Each structure stands twice: as C-alpha cells, then as structure tokens.
Amino acid sequence: MKNADIFIVDKDDLEKKRSELKEVSFDNETFTTNYIDEKDNSEWKEYQVNSEYFEEGIPILVKLPEPDQKELIEMALSGESHEEIAAASIFLFCNERDKEQEFRVDLLEALEKHALNLKEVGENSVNNKNKLKIIIYESCLYDGFNIKPIVGKHYTEVEKDFQFYKGIAERSKVILETFDTN
C-alpha cells in the first residue's frame, strides 16, 4: 500500500479526498475532524500539525486505524515530499507525547542504517541530507531535553532519563555530521 493511500498530506490530494468523505464530527479541543468514506465505510481523521519547516502547519488526513510506529518510520524514510516526511516524523513525536509511545531508539537505528546505506551507494545528495534533517528535527531527536515526568522519581532515575535523551540527541547529530563529510 502506498503512503498516500493511508496518509495524505499533499494539499490537492487532501482536498480531493476530503470532498469524497462525509464529515462525522469535529473536536474543538484537538481541532481534529472525523470522516467516513461512504463508498467503503473506511474512517478517516484530519489533523493539523505544526512544523518547524512549514509556518501554517501541515494538514494530515489519516485512514484509521492510524499507522503504527513501524509504518510511520517507514513513511518518513520513504516519503517523497518534504510535507510527507515531516508529517510522519511529527506524528511519531506526537504519539510519544500524547500516547507515551516511545519511538526514539527505533527511529534512530533506522536512520543510522539508512544513512549508512546512502553513503555506501554514494547517494550523499542534498535531497537525502535534507530528508534526514527533516526527520531528525521534526521528530525532535536532536533535542536532548528530558520529556519524561520527574515528579516522584529518585534523582538517579531522572539522571538516567536525561542521559537517554542526551545520547539520542548526540547520535542524531552524528548522523548529520557524518553525512555531511562527503
């Protein structure tokens, strides 16, 4: 299945798909809209996510059930547009923040493998560098900030969490620096 069959970010494609759907509900707190496709009874949800690269944010139309973490990582790595790459990356971060779905180790390992493969085949292009940069920044891998709760934890647990995020940030920066050398 193509990314665009379950995860639509292109404005024209999104408008076209939205015109084929029936709005079921709108959530004023999360600013999400639920739809149904009466042709096949599939359910869709529209999000508006913020992005460092796109001032007004990115509208995302997602077929339910939403893609899981593994699918989102693959979508980020295989994305063909900046919007698609950014949206999948932001979605990973939002799922961690809102649903406590940790993704950082899996994404970082996939990025390291992907960057190594690109270097081995001589694909050190600006587009590939930009893809890695978008994924790293939009998923907040570069940020060593501890986002886990600290209240009620022993200082050793807080320090362990801090070291985890710091290590992830350092490894993500190495990917970009290493990719930059050739």
N, C-alpha and C. Protein backbone atom coordinates (compact mmCIF):
# COMPACT_ATOMS: atom_id res chain seq x y z
N MET A 1 0.84 -1.18 0.00
CA MET A 1 0.00 0.00 0.00
C MET A 1 0.89 1.24 0.00
N LYS A 2 0.58 2.19 -0.84
CA LYS A 2 1.33 3.43 -0.90
C LYS A 2 0.98 4.31 0.30
N ASN A 3 1.97 5.14 0.70
CA ASN A 3 1.73 6.07 1.80
C ASN A 3 0.47 6.89 1.57
N ALA A 4 0.28 7.37 0.35
CA ALA A 4 -0.85 8.26 0.04
C ALA A 4 -2.21 7.57 0.19
N ASP A 5 -2.22 6.24 0.28
CA ASP A 5 -3.49 5.53 0.46
C ASP A 5 -3.97 5.58 1.91
N ILE A 6 -3.06 5.91 2.84
CA ILE A 6 -3.43 5.93 4.25
C ILE A 6 -3.02 7.21 4.97
N PHE A 7 -2.22 8.04 4.30
CA PHE A 7 -1.62 9.20 4.95
C PHE A 7 -1.48 10.29 3.89
N ILE A 8 -2.42 11.23 3.87
CA ILE A 8 -2.44 12.22 2.79
C ILE A 8 -2.04 13.59 3.34
N VAL A 9 -0.99 14.17 2.73
CA VAL A 9 -0.53 15.50 3.14
C VAL A 9 -0.50 16.49 1.99
N ASP A 10 -0.45 16.02 0.77
CA ASP A 10 -0.46 16.91 -0.39
C ASP A 10 -1.79 17.67 -0.41
N LYS A 11 -1.72 19.01 -0.51
CA LYS A 11 -2.94 19.83 -0.42
C LYS A 11 -3.99 19.44 -1.45
N ASP A 12 -3.58 19.25 -2.70
CA ASP A 12 -4.54 18.90 -3.74
C ASP A 12 -5.16 17.53 -3.49
N ASP A 13 -4.31 16.56 -3.14
CA ASP A 13 -4.82 15.21 -2.85
C ASP A 13 -5.74 15.23 -1.63
N LEU A 14 -5.37 16.04 -0.64
CA LEU A 14 -6.17 16.12 0.59
C LEU A 14 -7.54 16.73 0.28
N GLU A 15 -7.55 17.80 -0.49
CA GLU A 15 -8.83 18.43 -0.86
C GLU A 15 -9.71 17.47 -1.66
N LYS A 16 -9.10 16.75 -2.59
CA LYS A 16 -9.85 15.79 -3.40
C LYS A 16 -10.45 14.70 -2.52
N LYS A 17 -9.63 14.13 -1.63
CA LYS A 17 -10.12 13.05 -0.76
C LYS A 17 -11.18 13.59 0.20
N ARG A 18 -10.95 14.77 0.76
CA ARG A 18 -11.91 15.35 1.69
C ARG A 18 -13.27 15.54 1.02
N SER A 19 -13.28 15.89 -0.27
CA SER A 19 -14.54 16.09 -0.99
C SER A 19 -15.31 14.78 -1.18
N GLU A 20 -14.60 13.66 -1.06
CA GLU A 20 -15.23 12.34 -1.20
C GLU A 20 -15.74 11.79 0.13
N LEU A 21 -15.43 12.48 1.23
CA LEU A 21 -15.75 12.00 2.56
C LEU A 21 -16.92 12.76 3.17
N LYS A 22 -17.57 12.11 4.11
CA LYS A 22 -18.65 12.75 4.86
C LYS A 22 -18.13 13.07 6.26
N GLU A 23 -18.25 14.33 6.66
CA GLU A 23 -17.80 14.72 8.00
C GLU A 23 -18.73 14.12 9.05
N VAL A 24 -18.13 13.50 10.06
CA VAL A 24 -18.89 12.87 11.13
C VAL A 24 -18.85 13.72 12.39
N SER A 25 -17.68 14.26 12.72
CA SER A 25 -17.56 15.07 13.94
C SER A 25 -16.31 15.94 13.88
N PHE A 26 -16.33 16.99 14.71
CA PHE A 26 -15.19 17.87 14.85
C PHE A 26 -14.93 18.04 16.33
N ASP A 27 -13.68 17.90 16.74
CA ASP A 27 -13.30 18.04 18.15
C ASP A 27 -12.68 19.43 18.36
N ASN A 28 -13.37 20.27 19.13
CA ASN A 28 -12.91 21.64 19.37
C ASN A 28 -11.63 21.71 20.20
N GLU A 29 -11.38 20.70 21.01
CA GLU A 29 -10.17 20.71 21.85
C GLU A 29 -8.92 20.33 21.07
N THR A 30 -9.03 19.33 20.21
CA THR A 30 -7.86 18.85 19.47
C THR A 30 -7.83 19.35 18.03
N PHE A 31 -8.89 20.02 17.63
CA PHE A 31 -9.02 20.53 16.26
C PHE A 31 -8.85 19.42 15.22
N THR A 32 -9.44 18.28 15.52
CA THR A 32 -9.43 17.16 14.58
C THR A 32 -10.84 16.94 14.05
N THR A 33 -10.90 16.46 12.82
CA THR A 33 -12.18 16.18 12.19
C THR A 33 -12.22 14.71 11.81
N ASN A 34 -13.32 14.05 12.13
CA ASN A 34 -13.52 12.65 11.77
C ASN A 34 -14.43 12.58 10.56
N TYR A 35 -14.07 11.67 9.64
CA TYR A 35 -14.83 11.48 8.41
C TYR A 35 -15.11 10.01 8.20
N ILE A 36 -16.05 9.75 7.30
CA ILE A 36 -16.29 8.39 6.83
C ILE A 36 -16.38 8.44 5.30
N ASP A 37 -15.81 7.43 4.70
CA ASP A 37 -15.91 7.28 3.25
C ASP A 37 -17.06 6.31 3.02
N GLU A 38 -18.17 6.84 2.53
CA GLU A 38 -19.38 6.01 2.39
C GLU A 38 -19.25 4.96 1.30
N LYS A 39 -18.24 5.09 0.43
CA LYS A 39 -18.04 4.08 -0.62
C LYS A 39 -17.57 2.76 -0.03
N ASP A 40 -16.66 2.83 0.96
CA ASP A 40 -16.11 1.60 1.53
C ASP A 40 -16.20 1.55 3.05
N ASN A 41 -16.91 2.51 3.65
CA ASN A 41 -17.07 2.62 5.10
C ASN A 41 -15.75 2.80 5.86
N SER A 42 -14.71 3.23 5.17
CA SER A 42 -13.45 3.49 5.87
C SER A 42 -13.57 4.79 6.66
N GLU A 43 -12.86 4.83 7.77
CA GLU A 43 -12.88 6.01 8.63
C GLU A 43 -11.56 6.76 8.46
N TRP A 44 -11.65 8.08 8.49
CA TRP A 44 -10.51 8.97 8.31
C TRP A 44 -10.52 10.04 9.39
N LYS A 45 -9.34 10.54 9.73
CA LYS A 45 -9.22 11.62 10.71
C LYS A 45 -8.27 12.66 10.14
N GLU A 46 -8.66 13.94 10.27
CA GLU A 46 -7.81 15.03 9.80
C GLU A 46 -7.20 15.76 11.00
N TYR A 47 -5.90 15.92 10.93
CA TYR A 47 -5.13 16.64 11.95
C TYR A 47 -4.51 17.87 11.31
N GLN A 48 -4.17 18.83 12.15
CA GLN A 48 -3.36 19.97 11.73
C GLN A 48 -2.16 19.96 12.67
N VAL A 49 -0.99 19.64 12.13
CA VAL A 49 0.20 19.56 12.98
C VAL A 49 1.15 20.71 12.65
N ASN A 50 1.84 21.16 13.66
CA ASN A 50 2.80 22.25 13.48
C ASN A 50 4.13 21.67 13.03
N SER A 51 4.88 22.52 12.35
CA SER A 51 6.15 22.10 11.79
C SER A 51 7.13 23.24 11.84
N GLU A 52 8.39 22.92 12.07
CA GLU A 52 9.43 23.94 12.02
C GLU A 52 9.64 24.42 10.60
N TYR A 53 9.32 23.60 9.62
CA TYR A 53 9.59 23.92 8.22
C TYR A 53 8.42 24.58 7.51
N PHE A 54 7.22 24.47 8.05
CA PHE A 54 6.04 24.99 7.38
C PHE A 54 5.28 25.88 8.36
N GLU A 55 5.24 27.19 8.08
CA GLU A 55 4.69 28.17 9.01
C GLU A 55 3.27 27.89 9.46
N GLU A 56 2.39 27.58 8.52
CA GLU A 56 1.00 27.40 8.92
C GLU A 56 0.68 25.98 9.36
N GLY A 57 1.67 25.13 9.42
CA GLY A 57 1.43 23.75 9.82
C GLY A 57 1.09 22.88 8.63
N ILE A 58 0.89 21.63 8.90
CA ILE A 58 0.61 20.66 7.85
C ILE A 58 -0.71 19.97 8.16
N PRO A 59 -1.68 20.06 7.25
CA PRO A 59 -2.89 19.26 7.43
C PRO A 59 -2.57 17.82 7.02
N ILE A 60 -3.06 16.89 7.81
CA ILE A 60 -2.83 15.47 7.54
C ILE A 60 -4.18 14.76 7.59
N LEU A 61 -4.46 13.98 6.58
CA LEU A 61 -5.65 13.15 6.55
C LEU A 61 -5.17 11.71 6.66
N VAL A 62 -5.61 11.02 7.71
CA VAL A 62 -5.11 9.69 8.03
C VAL A 62 -6.26 8.69 8.03
N LYS A 63 -6.03 7.59 7.32
CA LYS A 63 -7.01 6.50 7.34
C LYS A 63 -6.86 5.74 8.65
N LEU A 64 -7.99 5.44 9.27
CA LEU A 64 -7.98 4.69 10.53
C LEU A 64 -8.07 3.20 10.26
N PRO A 65 -7.43 2.37 11.04
CA PRO A 65 -6.61 2.74 12.18
C PRO A 65 -5.35 3.46 11.72
N GLU A 66 -4.87 4.36 12.57
CA GLU A 66 -3.68 5.15 12.23
C GLU A 66 -2.48 4.23 12.04
N PRO A 67 -1.53 4.66 11.23
CA PRO A 67 -0.32 3.85 11.05
C PRO A 67 0.39 3.66 12.38
N ASP A 68 0.97 2.48 12.56
CA ASP A 68 1.71 2.24 13.79
C ASP A 68 3.12 2.82 13.68
N GLN A 69 3.88 2.69 14.74
CA GLN A 69 5.21 3.28 14.80
C GLN A 69 6.12 2.79 13.67
N LYS A 70 6.12 1.51 13.42
CA LYS A 70 6.97 0.95 12.36
C LYS A 70 6.57 1.54 11.00
N GLU A 71 5.27 1.64 10.74
CA GLU A 71 4.79 2.21 9.48
C GLU A 71 5.16 3.68 9.36
N LEU A 72 5.06 4.43 10.46
CA LEU A 72 5.41 5.85 10.43
C LEU A 72 6.90 6.05 10.14
N ILE A 73 7.73 5.22 10.72
CA ILE A 73 9.17 5.31 10.46
C ILE A 73 9.44 5.03 8.99
N GLU A 74 8.81 4.00 8.46
CA GLU A 74 8.99 3.68 7.05
C GLU A 74 8.46 4.81 6.16
N MET A 75 7.34 5.41 6.55
CA MET A 75 6.78 6.51 5.78
C MET A 75 7.72 7.71 5.77
N ALA A 76 8.34 7.98 6.90
CA ALA A 76 9.29 9.10 6.96
C ALA A 76 10.48 8.83 6.05
N LEU A 77 11.01 7.62 6.10
CA LEU A 77 12.18 7.29 5.29
C LEU A 77 11.88 7.18 3.80
N SER A 78 10.66 6.79 3.47
CA SER A 78 10.32 6.60 2.05
C SER A 78 9.53 7.77 1.48
N GLY A 79 9.24 8.77 2.30
CA GLY A 79 8.44 9.90 1.85
C GLY A 79 9.04 10.58 0.63
N GLU A 80 8.17 11.02 -0.25
CA GLU A 80 8.63 11.65 -1.49
C GLU A 80 8.56 13.16 -1.44
N SER A 81 7.83 13.72 -0.51
CA SER A 81 7.76 15.18 -0.40
C SER A 81 8.19 15.58 1.01
N HIS A 82 8.63 16.82 1.13
CA HIS A 82 9.02 17.33 2.45
C HIS A 82 7.85 17.26 3.42
N GLU A 83 6.65 17.58 2.93
CA GLU A 83 5.47 17.55 3.80
C GLU A 83 5.20 16.15 4.33
N GLU A 84 5.31 15.16 3.47
CA GLU A 84 5.04 13.78 3.89
C GLU A 84 6.08 13.31 4.91
N ILE A 85 7.34 13.62 4.66
CA ILE A 85 8.42 13.25 5.57
C ILE A 85 8.21 13.92 6.93
N ALA A 86 7.94 15.23 6.89
CA ALA A 86 7.73 15.99 8.13
C ALA A 86 6.50 15.49 8.89
N ALA A 87 5.42 15.23 8.19
CA ALA A 87 4.19 14.80 8.84
C ALA A 87 4.38 13.46 9.57
N ALA A 88 5.01 12.50 8.92
CA ALA A 88 5.25 11.21 9.57
C ALA A 88 6.15 11.37 10.79
N SER A 89 7.15 12.23 10.67
CA SER A 89 8.08 12.48 11.78
C SER A 89 7.39 13.16 12.95
N ILE A 90 6.57 14.16 12.64
CA ILE A 90 5.83 14.87 13.69
C ILE A 90 4.86 13.92 14.37
N PHE A 91 4.22 13.07 13.57
CA PHE A 91 3.27 12.10 14.11
C PHE A 91 3.94 11.20 15.14
N LEU A 92 5.17 10.77 14.86
CA LEU A 92 5.92 9.95 15.82
C LEU A 92 6.09 10.70 17.14
N PHE A 93 6.51 11.95 17.05
CA PHE A 93 6.71 12.76 18.26
C PHE A 93 5.39 12.94 19.01
N CYS A 94 4.32 13.25 18.29
CA CYS A 94 3.01 13.46 18.93
C CYS A 94 2.52 12.19 19.62
N ASN A 95 2.75 11.05 19.00
CA ASN A 95 2.34 9.78 19.63
C ASN A 95 3.14 9.52 20.91
N GLU A 96 4.40 9.93 20.92
CA GLU A 96 5.20 9.79 22.14
C GLU A 96 4.66 10.72 23.22
N ARG A 97 4.43 11.96 22.85
CA ARG A 97 3.97 12.97 23.80
C ARG A 97 2.57 12.66 24.33
N ASP A 98 1.66 12.29 23.43
CA ASP A 98 0.26 12.14 23.80
C ASP A 98 -0.14 10.73 24.21
N LYS A 99 0.55 9.73 23.67
CA LYS A 99 0.16 8.34 23.92
C LYS A 99 1.27 7.52 24.58
N GLU A 100 2.37 8.19 24.94
CA GLU A 100 3.52 7.55 25.58
C GLU A 100 4.08 6.38 24.76
N GLN A 101 4.09 6.55 23.44
CA GLN A 101 4.65 5.53 22.54
C GLN A 101 6.09 5.92 22.20
N GLU A 102 7.03 5.32 22.89
CA GLU A 102 8.44 5.64 22.66
C GLU A 102 8.86 5.15 21.28
N PHE A 103 9.56 6.00 20.55
CA PHE A 103 9.95 5.70 19.18
C PHE A 103 11.42 5.99 18.92
N ARG A 104 12.06 6.72 19.79
CA ARG A 104 13.37 7.30 19.50
C ARG A 104 14.43 6.28 19.14
N VAL A 105 14.53 5.21 19.88
CA VAL A 105 15.57 4.21 19.60
C VAL A 105 15.31 3.56 18.25
N ASP A 106 14.06 3.17 17.99
CA ASP A 106 13.74 2.54 16.71
C ASP A 106 13.99 3.47 15.53
N LEU A 107 13.58 4.73 15.65
CA LEU A 107 13.79 5.68 14.56
C LEU A 107 15.28 5.95 14.38
N LEU A 108 15.99 6.14 15.46
CA LEU A 108 17.42 6.43 15.35
C LEU A 108 18.18 5.28 14.70
N GLU A 109 17.86 4.06 15.09
CA GLU A 109 18.51 2.90 14.46
C GLU A 109 18.19 2.82 12.96
N ALA A 110 16.93 3.10 12.62
CA ALA A 110 16.55 3.10 11.20
C ALA A 110 17.27 4.22 10.44
N LEU A 111 17.42 5.37 11.05
CA LEU A 111 18.12 6.49 10.41
C LEU A 111 19.61 6.17 10.23
N GLU A 112 20.21 5.59 11.24
CA GLU A 112 21.63 5.23 11.14
C GLU A 112 21.86 4.23 10.02
N LYS A 113 20.99 3.25 9.94
CA LYS A 113 21.09 2.24 8.87
C LYS A 113 20.86 2.89 7.51
N HIS A 114 19.86 3.74 7.42
CA HIS A 114 19.52 4.42 6.17
C HIS A 114 20.68 5.32 5.71
N ALA A 115 21.24 6.10 6.64
CA ALA A 115 22.35 6.99 6.31
C ALA A 115 23.57 6.19 5.86
N LEU A 116 23.84 5.08 6.51
CA LEU A 116 24.97 4.24 6.12
C LEU A 116 24.76 3.67 4.72
N ASN A 117 23.55 3.21 4.44
CA ASN A 117 23.24 2.69 3.10
C ASN A 117 23.40 3.77 2.04
N LEU A 118 22.96 4.97 2.33
CA LEU A 118 23.09 6.07 1.38
C LEU A 118 24.55 6.38 1.09
N LYS A 119 25.36 6.37 2.13
CA LYS A 119 26.79 6.65 1.94
C LYS A 119 27.47 5.53 1.15
N GLU A 120 27.09 4.28 1.43
CA GLU A 120 27.72 3.14 0.75
C GLU A 120 27.44 3.14 -0.75
N VAL A 121 26.25 3.59 -1.13
CA VAL A 121 25.91 3.60 -2.55
C VAL A 121 26.18 4.97 -3.19
N GLY A 122 26.79 5.86 -2.43
CA GLY A 122 27.15 7.15 -2.97
C GLY A 122 25.99 8.09 -3.18
N GLU A 123 24.97 7.96 -2.39
CA GLU A 123 23.78 8.81 -2.51
C GLU A 123 23.82 9.97 -1.52
N ASN A 124 24.95 10.63 -1.42
CA ASN A 124 25.12 11.73 -0.48
C ASN A 124 24.65 13.04 -1.11
N SER A 125 23.41 13.08 -1.54
CA SER A 125 22.88 14.27 -2.21
C SER A 125 22.25 15.21 -1.19
N VAL A 126 22.01 16.43 -1.64
CA VAL A 126 21.36 17.43 -0.80
C VAL A 126 19.96 16.95 -0.41
N ASN A 127 19.25 16.32 -1.34
CA ASN A 127 17.89 15.84 -1.03
C ASN A 127 17.90 14.80 0.08
N ASN A 128 18.85 13.87 0.02
CA ASN A 128 18.92 12.85 1.07
C ASN A 128 19.33 13.46 2.40
N LYS A 129 20.25 14.40 2.39
CA LYS A 129 20.65 15.11 3.61
C LYS A 129 19.46 15.86 4.18
N ASN A 130 18.71 16.53 3.32
CA ASN A 130 17.52 17.26 3.78
C ASN A 130 16.48 16.32 4.37
N LYS A 131 16.30 15.15 3.77
CA LYS A 131 15.34 14.18 4.30
C LYS A 131 15.73 13.78 5.73
N LEU A 132 17.01 13.46 5.91
CA LEU A 132 17.48 13.08 7.25
C LEU A 132 17.30 14.24 8.23
N LYS A 133 17.60 15.43 7.78
CA LYS A 133 17.49 16.62 8.63
C LYS A 133 16.03 16.85 9.04
N ILE A 134 15.12 16.75 8.09
CA ILE A 134 13.69 16.93 8.40
C ILE A 134 13.23 15.90 9.42
N ILE A 135 13.59 14.64 9.21
CA ILE A 135 13.17 13.59 10.14
C ILE A 135 13.71 13.87 11.54
N ILE A 136 15.00 14.18 11.62
CA ILE A 136 15.63 14.41 12.92
C ILE A 136 15.03 15.62 13.64
N TYR A 137 14.83 16.71 12.93
CA TYR A 137 14.31 17.91 13.58
C TYR A 137 12.82 17.82 13.88
N GLU A 138 12.03 17.29 12.95
CA GLU A 138 10.58 17.24 13.18
C GLU A 138 10.18 16.21 14.23
N SER A 139 10.98 15.17 14.40
CA SER A 139 10.68 14.18 15.45
C SER A 139 11.32 14.56 16.77
N CYS A 140 12.07 15.65 16.78
CA CYS A 140 12.76 16.18 17.97
C CYS A 140 13.85 15.26 18.50
N LEU A 141 14.45 14.46 17.63
CA LEU A 141 15.57 13.62 18.05
C LEU A 141 16.77 14.45 18.47
N TYR A 142 16.95 15.60 17.86
CA TYR A 142 18.11 16.44 18.10
C TYR A 142 18.08 17.06 19.50
N ASP A 143 16.91 17.10 20.11
CA ASP A 143 16.72 17.79 21.38
C ASP A 143 16.99 16.84 22.54
N GLY A 144 17.98 17.12 23.34
CA GLY A 144 18.33 16.27 24.47
C GLY A 144 17.48 16.51 25.70
N PHE A 145 16.41 17.27 25.56
CA PHE A 145 15.54 17.61 26.69
C PHE A 145 14.79 16.37 27.17
N ASN A 146 14.82 16.13 28.48
CA ASN A 146 14.11 15.01 29.08
C ASN A 146 12.62 15.34 29.14
N ILE A 147 11.82 14.61 28.38
CA ILE A 147 10.38 14.88 28.38
C ILE A 147 9.61 13.96 29.32
N LYS A 148 10.30 13.06 29.99
CA LYS A 148 9.61 12.18 30.93
C LYS A 148 9.34 12.92 32.24
N PRO A 149 8.25 12.56 32.90
CA PRO A 149 7.93 13.21 34.18
C PRO A 149 9.06 12.97 35.20
N ILE A 150 9.29 13.98 36.04
CA ILE A 150 10.35 13.84 37.04
C ILE A 150 9.81 13.82 38.47
N VAL A 151 8.57 14.26 38.66
CA VAL A 151 7.98 14.32 39.99
C VAL A 151 7.85 12.90 40.56
N GLY A 152 8.34 12.75 41.78
CA GLY A 152 8.23 11.47 42.47
C GLY A 152 9.31 10.47 42.11
N LYS A 153 10.25 10.86 41.27
CA LYS A 153 11.33 9.95 40.89
C LYS A 153 12.58 10.24 41.71
N HIS A 154 13.32 9.20 41.94
CA HIS A 154 14.63 9.34 42.57
C HIS A 154 15.55 10.03 41.58
N TYR A 155 16.51 10.81 42.09
CA TYR A 155 17.38 11.58 41.19
C TYR A 155 18.14 10.69 40.22
N THR A 156 18.39 9.43 40.60
CA THR A 156 19.12 8.53 39.69
C THR A 156 18.25 8.17 38.48
N GLU A 157 16.93 8.08 38.70
CA GLU A 157 16.02 7.82 37.58
C GLU A 157 15.95 9.02 36.63
N VAL A 158 15.91 10.21 37.21
CA VAL A 158 15.88 11.44 36.41
C VAL A 158 17.17 11.55 35.60
N GLU A 159 18.29 11.25 36.23
CA GLU A 159 19.59 11.31 35.54
C GLU A 159 19.64 10.27 34.42
N LYS A 160 19.09 9.09 34.65
CA LYS A 160 19.06 8.04 33.62
C LYS A 160 18.24 8.50 32.42
N ASP A 161 17.07 9.12 32.67
CA ASP A 161 16.24 9.64 31.59
C ASP A 161 16.98 10.74 30.84
N PHE A 162 17.63 11.63 31.58
CA PHE A 162 18.39 12.72 30.96
C PHE A 162 19.48 12.15 30.05
N GLN A 163 20.21 11.16 30.52
CA GLN A 163 21.29 10.56 29.73
C GLN A 163 20.74 9.88 28.47
N PHE A 164 19.56 9.28 28.60
CA PHE A 164 18.93 8.64 27.44
C PHE A 164 18.68 9.67 26.34
N TYR A 165 17.99 10.77 26.67
CA TYR A 165 17.67 11.80 25.67
C TYR A 165 18.93 12.48 25.15
N LYS A 166 19.88 12.71 26.03
CA LYS A 166 21.14 13.32 25.61
C LYS A 166 21.87 12.42 24.61
N GLY A 167 21.88 11.11 24.87
CA GLY A 167 22.52 10.15 23.97
C GLY A 167 21.84 10.10 22.61
N ILE A 168 20.52 10.12 22.61
CA ILE A 168 19.77 10.13 21.36
C ILE A 168 20.11 11.37 20.56
N ALA A 169 20.14 12.53 21.22
CA ALA A 169 20.45 13.79 20.54
C ALA A 169 21.85 13.75 19.95
N GLU A 170 22.80 13.24 20.71
CA GLU A 170 24.18 13.17 20.22
C GLU A 170 24.30 12.25 19.01
N ARG A 171 23.64 11.11 19.06
CA ARG A 171 23.68 10.17 17.93
C ARG A 171 23.02 10.75 16.69
N SER A 172 21.93 11.50 16.88
CA SER A 172 21.26 12.10 15.72
C SER A 172 22.14 13.17 15.08
N LYS A 173 22.86 13.91 15.89
CA LYS A 173 23.78 14.93 15.35
C LYS A 173 24.93 14.28 14.60
N VAL A 174 25.39 13.13 15.07
CA VAL A 174 26.46 12.41 14.38
C VAL A 174 26.01 11.98 12.99
N ILE A 175 24.76 11.56 12.86
CA ILE A 175 24.23 11.17 11.55
C ILE A 175 24.38 12.33 10.57
N LEU A 176 23.95 13.50 10.98
CA LEU A 176 24.01 14.66 10.09
C LEU A 176 25.46 15.07 9.81
N GLU A 177 26.31 15.04 10.82
CA GLU A 177 27.71 15.42 10.62
C GLU A 177 28.42 14.42 9.74
N THR A 178 28.19 13.14 9.95
CA THR A 178 28.83 12.11 9.16
C THR A 178 28.39 12.20 7.71
N PHE A 179 27.11 12.42 7.53
CA PHE A 179 26.55 12.51 6.18
C PHE A 179 27.10 13.73 5.45
N ASP A 180 27.46 14.74 6.20
CA ASP A 180 27.97 15.99 5.65
C ASP A 180 29.41 15.89 5.15
N THR A 181 30.15 14.90 5.60
CA THR A 181 31.58 14.85 5.31
C THR A 181 31.92 14.51 3.88
N ASN A 182 31.06 13.86 3.15
CA ASN A 182 31.38 13.50 1.75
C ASN A 182 30.55 14.28 0.79
